[in-house]
Amino acid sequence: MKAIPLLLFLLVASSAFAGWHAGAAKADITPTESVPLAGYGGKTRMSQRVEHAIWLKALALKDDAGAISVLVTADLVGLSDQMIAVIAKNAAEKHGISRERLILNTSHNHSCPVTEDVLWLYYEFTPEEAAVKDRYTAMVYAKYDEVIGKAIANLAPAELAFEQGLAGVAVNRRRSRGPESRALGGQVDQDVPVITVKAGNDLKAIVFGYSCHTTALGGLSINGDYAGFAQLELENSFPGSMAMFVQNCGGDANPLPRIRGKDVEATELTGMYGKILAEAVRQVIAGTMKPLSGPIRAAMGETELELQPGIPLDELKQRVPNLTGMPKREFEHFIRQYETLGSTPDRVKYPVQVWRIGTDFTFIALTGETVVDYSLKFKAAYGWNNTWVCGYNNDLTSYIPSLRVLKEGGYEGLTGMFEYGHRAPYTEAVEERITTKVDELVKATAK
């Protein structure tokens, strides 16, 4: 057999990685003391134990044009504008990552610590509880900086591929709220999009998503809910790899059935949901996946979502004395806005990000608790087999209803707005505003 010249061998070997350098890193954000737990309203819940560690995970991608883009996922309930500003500023100043090339996704985990001012109207802390929250938040800021820097430092030649599977965990939760809700739409998105990052035969990272609330658990333990169990399952199946969960458009979906108030049984069920999702990912990886080529063309823009008229000041003041807990804090917040601003704000800013990877793959990152209609709509518009739509990026903001959900009413369309500090539901232009901005950015990245 004739020997292959060394130079030719190196050229052939390097061609397998043409176009991509990728780096993966993760940082443990498990609290080391009892902390206020996020996600559910009512009396402050303090953690009592750790079921498993929770993480920040980052994937840095450098394309053949030399641009670096970073996706960071978190086992947190969400981020706030204040947190986004700090994280993005550090990423730009320390690591040179422009804002449109930094996507910050959270799993919306309901078994994690409270951070900074996320869902701040939910909670009423003692001074000691507030101090614990602040200590934890400071650690999280440091870990975001650390994990982004490590992912960039780990950049090395790699191959990317994409395909989708299916998992039947998600159920439209709006249909599960009594007999009067049975007529509501049962829409769900049970696609499981998967991106693999390989160096030769070594699987370095698995990025996978699902459209479903991480609310299978509601006890007093720290964990990543079903998404955390799925990540653990995949990392056990593929030693040496890092599994990253991206929360898609799960604003109106729950893992059902759920067991409430029984930690052992609920944890077993949640672990089973994690295994189901992980198996869907394993089946995708075992099949044929489509290679992804660069470059990444990134764009970010912002629209405004208008709010309906709020409750008049006189009525708020009349109702406050009869309220307690979170409703009272909400109404007092609106009163303060009238007194300091002259009125309650009439709109909410809404960022959107789009990454066009190569010529035929689109990653759309929406803000807030986006309902499933947006995922189904944008995949239908831009390609069922080559479009990934995720919510829960940037500021947690609020539930983001489609026009259908807004007209149906209920928690995700109407009543959930107060807990986010917004005076009223969105107007019927909400879906049109988001659709227009997404289309603008998709077209901008297609050039």
Protein backbone atom coordinates (compact mmCIF):
# COMPACT_ATOMS: atom_id res chain seq x y z
CA MET A 1 0.00 0.00 0.00
CA LYS A 2 1.42 3.35 -1.02
CA ALA A 3 2.06 5.74 1.86
CA ILE A 4 0.07 8.99 1.93
CA PRO A 5 2.33 12.07 2.03
CA LEU A 6 2.18 13.79 5.43
CA LEU A 7 1.05 17.13 3.98
CA LEU A 8 -1.80 15.49 2.08
CA PHE A 9 -2.82 13.57 5.21
CA LEU A 10 -2.97 16.76 7.24
CA LEU A 11 -5.01 18.52 4.57
CA VAL A 12 -7.51 15.66 4.40
CA ALA A 13 -7.75 15.44 8.19
CA SER A 14 -8.26 19.16 8.64
CA SER A 15 -10.94 19.32 5.93
CA ALA A 16 -13.29 17.35 8.18
CA PHE A 17 -13.31 20.35 10.53
CA ALA A 18 -13.42 23.05 7.87
CA GLY A 19 -15.30 26.14 8.98
CA TRP A 20 -15.87 25.53 12.69
CA HIS A 21 -14.05 25.86 15.95
CA ALA A 22 -16.16 25.03 19.00
CA GLY A 23 -15.57 25.22 22.73
CA ALA A 24 -17.78 23.90 25.54
CA ALA A 25 -17.64 24.66 29.25
CA LYS A 26 -19.84 24.37 32.31
CA ALA A 27 -19.90 25.94 35.75
CA ASP A 28 -21.57 24.54 38.87
CA ILE A 29 -24.07 27.03 40.36
CA THR A 30 -25.38 24.78 43.12
CA PRO A 31 -25.86 26.87 46.28
CA THR A 32 -23.76 26.02 49.32
CA GLU A 33 -26.34 27.19 51.86
CA SER A 34 -30.10 27.17 52.22
CA VAL A 35 -31.52 29.67 49.73
CA PRO A 36 -34.92 31.12 48.78
CA LEU A 37 -36.39 28.99 46.00
CA ALA A 38 -37.70 30.54 42.80
CA GLY A 39 -40.59 29.79 40.49
CA TYR A 40 -43.71 29.57 42.62
CA GLY A 41 -45.60 32.39 44.29
CA GLY A 42 -46.76 32.45 47.90
CA LYS A 43 -44.71 32.13 51.06
CA THR A 44 -40.94 32.15 50.53
CA ARG A 45 -39.63 28.58 50.27
CA MET A 46 -36.16 27.87 51.63
CA SER A 47 -34.23 24.95 50.15
CA GLN A 48 -33.63 21.93 52.39
CA ARG A 49 -31.46 19.66 50.25
CA VAL A 50 -29.77 19.21 46.86
CA GLU A 51 -31.22 16.54 44.57
CA HIS A 52 -28.51 17.13 41.98
CA ALA A 53 -26.21 19.96 40.93
CA ILE A 54 -27.43 22.81 38.74
CA TRP A 55 -25.32 24.40 36.02
CA LEU A 56 -24.46 27.15 33.62
CA LYS A 57 -23.26 25.72 30.30
CA ALA A 58 -21.75 27.57 27.37
CA LEU A 59 -21.03 26.68 23.76
CA ALA A 60 -18.72 29.02 21.86
CA LEU A 61 -18.67 28.77 18.05
CA LYS A 62 -16.07 30.38 15.82
CA ASP A 63 -16.93 30.26 12.13
CA ASP A 64 -14.68 30.48 9.10
CA ALA A 65 -15.17 34.24 9.03
CA GLY A 66 -13.56 34.45 12.49
CA ALA A 67 -16.69 35.60 14.35
CA ILE A 68 -17.34 34.07 17.78
CA SER A 69 -20.90 33.43 18.94
CA VAL A 70 -21.82 32.07 22.37
CA LEU A 71 -24.93 30.25 23.60
CA VAL A 72 -25.31 29.99 27.38
CA THR A 73 -27.95 27.83 29.04
CA ALA A 74 -28.85 27.94 32.72
CA ASP A 75 -30.78 25.81 35.22
CA LEU A 76 -32.44 29.01 36.44
CA VAL A 77 -36.02 30.27 36.36
CA GLY A 78 -35.02 33.31 34.33
CA LEU A 79 -32.95 36.45 34.07
CA SER A 80 -33.87 40.11 34.45
CA ASP A 81 -32.89 43.19 32.47
CA GLN A 82 -30.45 44.06 35.24
CA MET A 83 -28.80 40.64 35.09
CA ILE A 84 -28.67 40.63 31.29
CA ALA A 85 -26.97 44.04 31.32
CA VAL A 86 -24.22 42.85 33.70
CA ILE A 87 -23.62 39.54 31.89
CA ALA A 88 -23.61 41.08 28.40
CA LYS A 89 -21.33 43.95 29.47
CA ASN A 90 -18.77 41.49 30.87
CA ALA A 91 -18.97 39.33 27.75
CA ALA A 92 -18.33 42.34 25.52
CA GLU A 93 -15.58 43.96 27.58
CA LYS A 94 -13.70 40.83 28.69
CA HIS A 95 -14.31 38.45 25.80
CA GLY A 96 -15.20 40.64 22.80
CA ILE A 97 -18.65 39.10 22.29
CA SER A 98 -21.10 41.52 20.70
CA ARG A 99 -24.65 41.49 22.02
CA GLU A 100 -26.25 39.89 18.96
CA ARG A 101 -23.76 37.00 19.24
CA LEU A 102 -24.65 36.20 22.86
CA ILE A 103 -27.81 34.18 23.47
CA LEU A 104 -28.76 33.69 27.13
CA ASN A 105 -31.37 30.96 27.62
CA THR A 106 -32.80 29.67 30.89
CA SER A 107 -34.66 26.40 31.41
CA HIS A 108 -37.25 28.21 33.57
CA ASN A 109 -36.40 25.77 36.34
CA HIS A 110 -38.75 26.04 39.33
CA SER A 111 -36.36 24.29 41.73
CA CYS A 112 -33.51 26.81 41.72
CA PRO A 113 -32.52 29.78 43.88
CA VAL A 114 -33.96 33.25 43.48
CA THR A 115 -31.55 35.66 41.78
CA GLU A 116 -31.35 39.46 41.78
CA ASP A 117 -34.75 41.01 40.87
CA VAL A 118 -36.22 38.15 38.79
CA LEU A 119 -39.96 37.81 39.50
CA TRP A 120 -39.39 40.24 42.34
CA LEU A 121 -43.09 40.76 43.07
CA TYR A 122 -43.37 37.07 43.96
CA TYR A 123 -41.27 37.32 47.09
CA GLU A 124 -41.22 39.10 50.44
CA PHE A 125 -37.84 38.41 52.04
CA THR A 126 -36.59 38.86 55.56
CA PRO A 127 -33.27 40.76 55.71
CA GLU A 128 -31.46 37.45 56.22
CA GLU A 129 -33.17 35.84 53.20
CA ALA A 130 -32.38 38.88 51.06
CA ALA A 131 -28.71 38.65 52.06
CA VAL A 132 -28.62 34.97 51.04
CA LYS A 133 -30.18 35.85 47.67
CA ASP A 134 -27.61 38.59 47.10
CA ARG A 135 -24.68 36.30 47.93
CA TYR A 136 -25.98 33.69 45.51
CA THR A 137 -26.56 36.28 42.77
CA ALA A 138 -22.99 37.54 43.07
CA MET A 139 -21.74 33.98 42.58
CA VAL A 140 -23.95 33.51 39.50
CA TYR A 141 -22.59 36.68 37.88
CA ALA A 142 -19.04 35.42 38.41
CA LYS A 143 -19.91 32.00 37.00
CA TYR A 144 -21.44 33.50 33.83
CA ASP A 145 -18.19 35.37 33.22
CA GLU A 146 -16.18 32.23 33.98
CA VAL A 147 -18.13 29.85 31.76
CA ILE A 148 -18.15 32.19 28.75
CA GLY A 149 -14.40 32.71 29.08
CA LYS A 150 -13.71 28.98 29.40
CA ALA A 151 -15.84 28.09 26.39
CA ILE A 152 -13.93 30.59 24.26
CA ALA A 153 -10.61 29.34 25.61
CA ASN A 154 -11.61 25.78 24.66
CA LEU A 155 -12.21 26.59 20.98
CA ALA A 156 -10.88 23.79 18.77
CA PRO A 157 -11.71 22.35 15.32
CA ALA A 158 -15.13 20.69 15.29
CA GLU A 159 -18.06 19.46 13.21
CA LEU A 160 -21.69 20.45 13.84
CA ALA A 161 -24.82 18.54 12.84
CA PHE A 162 -28.59 18.97 13.36
CA GLU A 163 -31.71 16.84 13.41
CA GLN A 164 -34.96 16.55 15.36
CA GLY A 165 -36.71 13.87 17.35
CA LEU A 166 -39.98 13.68 19.27
CA ALA A 167 -40.98 13.30 22.93
CA GLY A 168 -44.47 13.07 24.38
CA VAL A 169 -43.95 14.74 27.75
CA ALA A 170 -45.55 18.14 27.07
CA VAL A 171 -49.30 18.70 27.46
CA ASN A 172 -51.02 22.03 26.88
CA ARG A 173 -51.66 23.04 30.47
CA ARG A 174 -54.47 25.45 29.62
CA ARG A 175 -56.73 22.41 29.11
CA SER A 176 -56.01 21.04 32.58
CA ARG A 177 -57.66 23.75 34.66
CA GLY A 178 -61.14 22.39 35.16
CA PRO A 179 -64.15 21.59 32.97
CA GLU A 180 -64.41 25.14 31.59
CA SER A 181 -60.92 24.83 30.06
CA ARG A 182 -61.58 21.67 28.04
CA ALA A 183 -62.56 23.63 24.95
CA LEU A 184 -59.28 25.54 24.82
CA GLY A 185 -56.71 24.64 22.20
CA GLY A 186 -54.47 21.70 23.01
CA GLN A 187 -51.54 22.82 20.86
CA VAL A 188 -48.08 21.52 21.79
CA ASP A 189 -44.71 21.30 20.09
CA GLN A 190 -43.19 17.93 20.88
CA ASP A 191 -40.19 18.30 18.56
CA VAL A 192 -36.80 17.70 20.16
CA PRO A 193 -34.22 19.68 18.15
CA VAL A 194 -30.63 18.48 18.59
CA ILE A 195 -27.25 19.90 17.60
CA THR A 196 -24.15 17.77 18.11
CA VAL A 197 -20.60 19.07 18.31
CA LYS A 198 -17.91 16.54 17.44
CA ALA A 199 -14.15 16.49 17.18
CA GLY A 200 -13.51 13.47 15.00
CA ASN A 201 -15.35 10.59 16.65
CA ASP A 202 -15.50 12.37 20.02
CA LEU A 203 -18.86 13.86 20.93
CA LYS A 204 -18.03 17.08 22.78
CA ALA A 205 -21.42 18.74 23.24
CA ILE A 206 -25.12 17.98 22.79
CA VAL A 207 -27.51 20.91 22.54
CA PHE A 208 -31.15 19.87 22.74
CA GLY A 209 -34.45 21.62 23.31
CA TYR A 210 -38.08 21.09 24.25
CA SER A 211 -41.19 23.24 24.65
CA CYS A 212 -42.42 22.53 28.17
CA HIS A 213 -42.38 24.18 31.59
CA THR A 214 -39.88 22.72 34.04
CA THR A 215 -42.54 22.33 36.71
CA ALA A 216 -42.63 18.60 37.37
CA LEU A 217 -41.23 19.30 40.84
CA GLY A 218 -42.31 21.79 43.47
CA GLY A 219 -40.69 20.63 46.69
CA LEU A 220 -37.83 22.09 48.69
CA SER A 221 -34.84 20.57 46.89
CA ILE A 222 -32.35 22.12 44.48
CA ASN A 223 -32.41 20.36 41.10
CA GLY A 224 -32.86 21.00 37.38
CA ASP A 225 -36.34 19.42 37.12
CA TYR A 226 -36.91 17.08 34.13
CA ALA A 227 -34.43 19.08 32.02
CA GLY A 228 -31.74 18.53 34.64
CA PHE A 229 -32.42 14.81 34.78
CA ALA A 230 -32.30 14.64 30.97
CA GLN A 231 -28.91 16.37 30.89
CA LEU A 232 -27.52 13.98 33.51
CA GLU A 233 -28.85 11.00 31.58
CA LEU A 234 -27.20 12.14 28.35
CA GLU A 235 -23.87 12.90 29.98
CA ASN A 236 -23.90 9.41 31.48
CA SER A 237 -24.71 7.93 28.07
CA PHE A 238 -21.96 9.89 26.32
CA PRO A 239 -19.01 10.18 28.72
CA GLY A 240 -16.87 13.23 28.05
CA SER A 241 -19.69 15.18 26.46
CA MET A 242 -21.62 18.16 27.81
CA ALA A 243 -25.41 18.22 27.44
CA MET A 244 -27.12 21.63 27.21
CA PHE A 245 -30.90 22.07 27.51
CA VAL A 246 -32.56 24.94 25.64
CA GLN A 247 -36.08 25.86 26.77
CA ASN A 248 -38.17 26.40 23.65
CA CYS A 249 -41.72 27.82 23.57
CA GLY A 250 -43.14 26.09 26.63
CA GLY A 251 -45.13 28.97 28.12
CA ASP A 252 -48.43 27.08 27.93
CA ALA A 253 -47.20 23.49 28.38
CA ASN A 254 -46.53 21.37 31.46
CA PRO A 255 -45.08 17.90 31.95
CA LEU A 256 -48.24 15.99 32.79
CA PRO A 257 -49.32 14.20 34.82
CA ARG A 258 -47.65 15.77 37.84
CA ILE A 259 -47.54 14.64 41.46
CA ARG A 260 -47.78 17.52 43.88
CA GLY A 261 -46.68 17.45 47.51
CA LYS A 262 -44.99 14.02 47.50
CA ASP A 263 -41.27 14.56 46.95
CA VAL A 264 -40.20 10.93 46.48
CA GLU A 265 -42.92 10.00 44.00
CA ALA A 266 -42.63 13.34 42.19
CA THR A 267 -38.87 12.96 41.83
CA GLU A 268 -39.29 9.48 40.38
CA LEU A 269 -41.78 10.76 37.82
CA THR A 270 -39.59 13.74 36.96
CA GLY A 271 -36.63 11.43 36.45
CA MET A 272 -38.75 9.35 34.09
CA TYR A 273 -39.62 12.45 32.05
CA GLY A 274 -35.90 13.20 31.87
CA LYS A 275 -35.19 9.68 30.63
CA ILE A 276 -37.88 9.99 27.94
CA LEU A 277 -36.43 13.26 26.67
CA ALA A 278 -32.89 11.88 26.79
CA GLU A 279 -33.95 8.80 24.83
CA ALA A 280 -35.43 11.04 22.13
CA VAL A 281 -32.05 12.76 21.88
CA ARG A 282 -30.16 9.45 21.83
CA GLN A 283 -32.29 8.24 18.93
CA VAL A 284 -31.51 11.39 16.97
CA ILE A 285 -27.78 10.97 17.57
CA ALA A 286 -27.95 7.30 16.54
CA GLY A 287 -29.56 8.27 13.24
CA THR A 288 -28.43 10.41 10.32
CA MET A 289 -27.89 14.06 11.16
CA LYS A 290 -27.42 16.89 8.70
CA PRO A 291 -24.02 18.65 8.83
CA LEU A 292 -24.16 22.38 9.62
CA SER A 293 -21.79 24.73 7.85
CA GLY A 294 -20.96 28.33 8.70
CA PRO A 295 -20.83 31.18 8.89
CA ILE A 296 -23.19 32.44 11.60
CA ARG A 297 -24.90 35.65 10.56
CA ALA A 298 -26.31 37.18 13.74
CA ALA A 299 -28.89 39.93 14.16
CA MET A 300 -30.72 41.42 17.11
CA GLY A 301 -33.58 43.86 17.17
CA GLU A 302 -36.26 45.17 19.45
CA THR A 303 -39.94 45.88 19.13
CA GLU A 304 -42.48 47.22 21.61
CA LEU A 305 -45.51 45.34 22.89
CA GLU A 306 -48.31 47.70 23.87
CA LEU A 307 -50.41 47.14 26.99
CA GLN A 308 -54.13 47.64 27.41
CA PRO A 309 -55.27 50.38 29.83
CA GLY A 310 -54.52 49.69 33.47
CA ILE A 311 -56.59 50.05 36.64
CA PRO A 312 -57.15 53.75 37.53
CA LEU A 313 -55.21 55.10 40.52
CA ASP A 314 -58.31 55.76 42.65
CA GLU A 315 -59.51 52.19 42.20
CA LEU A 316 -56.07 50.79 43.06
CA LYS A 317 -56.01 52.77 46.31
CA GLN A 318 -59.51 51.59 47.21
CA ARG A 319 -58.65 47.94 46.63
CA VAL A 320 -55.22 47.77 48.33
CA PRO A 321 -56.49 47.71 51.96
CA ASN A 322 -58.41 44.50 51.21
CA LEU A 323 -55.44 42.67 49.67
CA THR A 324 -52.57 40.64 51.10
CA GLY A 325 -49.44 38.95 49.77
CA MET A 326 -48.53 39.19 46.12
CA PRO A 327 -51.76 40.91 44.92
CA LYS A 328 -51.12 43.70 47.43
CA ARG A 329 -47.49 44.07 46.31
CA GLU A 330 -48.62 44.21 42.68
CA PHE A 331 -51.17 46.95 43.30
CA GLU A 332 -48.75 48.93 45.48
CA HIS A 333 -46.25 48.72 42.62
CA PHE A 334 -48.77 50.26 40.22
CA ILE A 335 -49.57 53.00 42.73
CA ARG A 336 -45.85 53.84 43.00
CA GLN A 337 -45.64 54.06 39.22
CA TYR A 338 -48.52 56.54 39.15
CA GLU A 339 -46.88 58.59 41.90
CA THR A 340 -43.34 58.59 40.44
CA LEU A 341 -43.96 58.41 36.68
CA GLY A 342 -47.38 60.04 36.42
CA SER A 343 -48.88 56.87 34.92
CA THR A 344 -48.28 53.15 34.57
CA PRO A 345 -46.06 52.31 31.55
CA ASP A 346 -48.10 51.48 28.46
CA ARG A 347 -45.62 49.22 26.65
CA VAL A 348 -42.89 46.62 27.14
CA LYS A 349 -39.67 46.39 25.13
CA TYR A 350 -39.20 43.04 23.41
CA PRO A 351 -35.80 41.91 22.07
CA VAL A 352 -35.48 39.23 19.38
CA GLN A 353 -32.33 37.47 18.16
CA VAL A 354 -31.75 35.42 15.01
CA TRP A 355 -28.72 33.34 14.05
CA ARG A 356 -28.61 32.13 10.45
CA ILE A 357 -26.15 29.23 10.39
CA GLY A 358 -24.91 28.63 6.87
CA THR A 359 -27.53 28.96 4.17
CA ASP A 360 -30.37 26.83 5.45
CA PHE A 361 -30.54 26.70 9.26
CA THR A 362 -32.25 29.38 11.36
CA PHE A 363 -32.10 29.73 15.16
CA ILE A 364 -34.73 32.17 16.48
CA ALA A 365 -34.38 33.35 20.09
CA LEU A 366 -37.49 35.01 21.53
CA THR A 367 -37.87 36.79 24.86
CA GLY A 368 -40.06 35.78 27.80
CA GLU A 369 -42.50 32.96 28.46
CA THR A 370 -43.43 32.41 24.84
CA VAL A 371 -46.44 30.20 24.10
CA VAL A 372 -46.23 27.33 21.62
CA ASP A 373 -48.02 29.12 18.78
CA TYR A 374 -44.84 31.08 18.03
CA SER A 375 -42.75 27.96 17.59
CA LEU A 376 -45.31 26.36 15.30
CA LYS A 377 -45.81 29.58 13.34
CA PHE A 378 -42.16 30.34 12.67
CA LYS A 379 -41.25 26.75 11.80
CA ALA A 380 -44.11 26.73 9.32
CA ALA A 381 -42.87 30.03 7.87
CA TYR A 382 -39.14 29.30 7.67
CA GLY A 383 -38.89 25.53 7.52
CA TRP A 384 -40.08 22.70 9.75
CA ASN A 385 -36.86 20.77 9.28
CA ASN A 386 -34.31 23.57 9.53
CA THR A 387 -35.68 26.08 12.05
CA TRP A 388 -35.23 26.08 15.83
CA VAL A 389 -37.42 28.47 17.85
CA CYS A 390 -36.75 29.04 21.52
CA GLY A 391 -38.28 31.31 24.16
CA TYR A 392 -37.00 32.15 27.64
CA ASN A 393 -34.10 34.28 26.41
CA ASN A 394 -33.10 37.72 27.69
CA ASP A 395 -35.36 39.24 30.36
CA LEU A 396 -38.09 36.89 31.60
CA THR A 397 -40.45 39.82 30.86
CA SER A 398 -43.85 38.08 31.10
CA TYR A 399 -45.95 35.45 29.42
CA ILE A 400 -45.99 36.20 25.70
CA PRO A 401 -49.40 35.14 24.37
CA SER A 402 -50.31 34.66 20.75
CA LEU A 403 -53.44 36.40 19.51
CA ARG A 404 -55.32 33.12 20.01
CA VAL A 405 -54.24 32.77 23.64
CA LEU A 406 -54.90 36.46 24.30
CA LYS A 407 -58.48 36.14 23.02
CA GLU A 408 -59.05 32.92 24.97
CA GLY A 409 -57.98 34.72 28.14
CA GLY A 410 -56.85 32.88 31.23
CA TYR A 411 -53.52 32.98 33.04
CA GLU A 412 -51.08 33.04 30.10
CA GLY A 413 -53.16 35.57 28.19
CA LEU A 414 -54.48 37.90 30.86
CA THR A 415 -54.08 37.38 34.59
CA GLY A 416 -50.40 36.43 34.60
CA MET A 417 -49.37 39.96 33.62
CA PHE A 418 -49.74 41.53 37.08
CA GLU A 419 -47.12 39.29 38.70
CA TYR A 420 -44.58 40.61 36.19
CA GLY A 421 -45.36 44.19 37.15
CA HIS A 422 -47.29 45.05 33.98
CA ARG A 423 -50.49 47.03 34.32
CA ALA A 424 -52.68 44.94 32.00
CA PRO A 425 -52.63 42.34 29.19
CA TYR A 426 -51.06 43.10 25.83
CA THR A 427 -53.12 44.54 23.01
CA GLU A 428 -54.19 42.38 20.07
CA ALA A 429 -51.16 43.62 18.11
CA VAL A 430 -48.80 41.47 20.22
CA GLU A 431 -48.36 38.59 17.76
CA GLU A 432 -48.15 40.87 14.74
CA ARG A 433 -45.41 42.98 16.37
CA ILE A 434 -43.27 39.94 17.18
CA THR A 435 -43.87 38.33 13.79
CA THR A 436 -42.84 41.50 11.96
CA LYS A 437 -39.60 41.81 13.95
CA VAL A 438 -38.70 38.13 13.49
CA ASP A 439 -39.28 38.36 9.75
CA GLU A 440 -37.14 41.48 9.53
CA LEU A 441 -34.23 39.76 11.30
CA VAL A 442 -34.57 36.52 9.34
CA LYS A 443 -34.33 38.50 6.11
CA ALA A 444 -31.38 40.52 7.45
CA THR A 445 -29.42 37.35 8.23
CA ALA A 446 -30.20 35.77 4.86
CA LYS A 447 -28.03 38.28 2.98
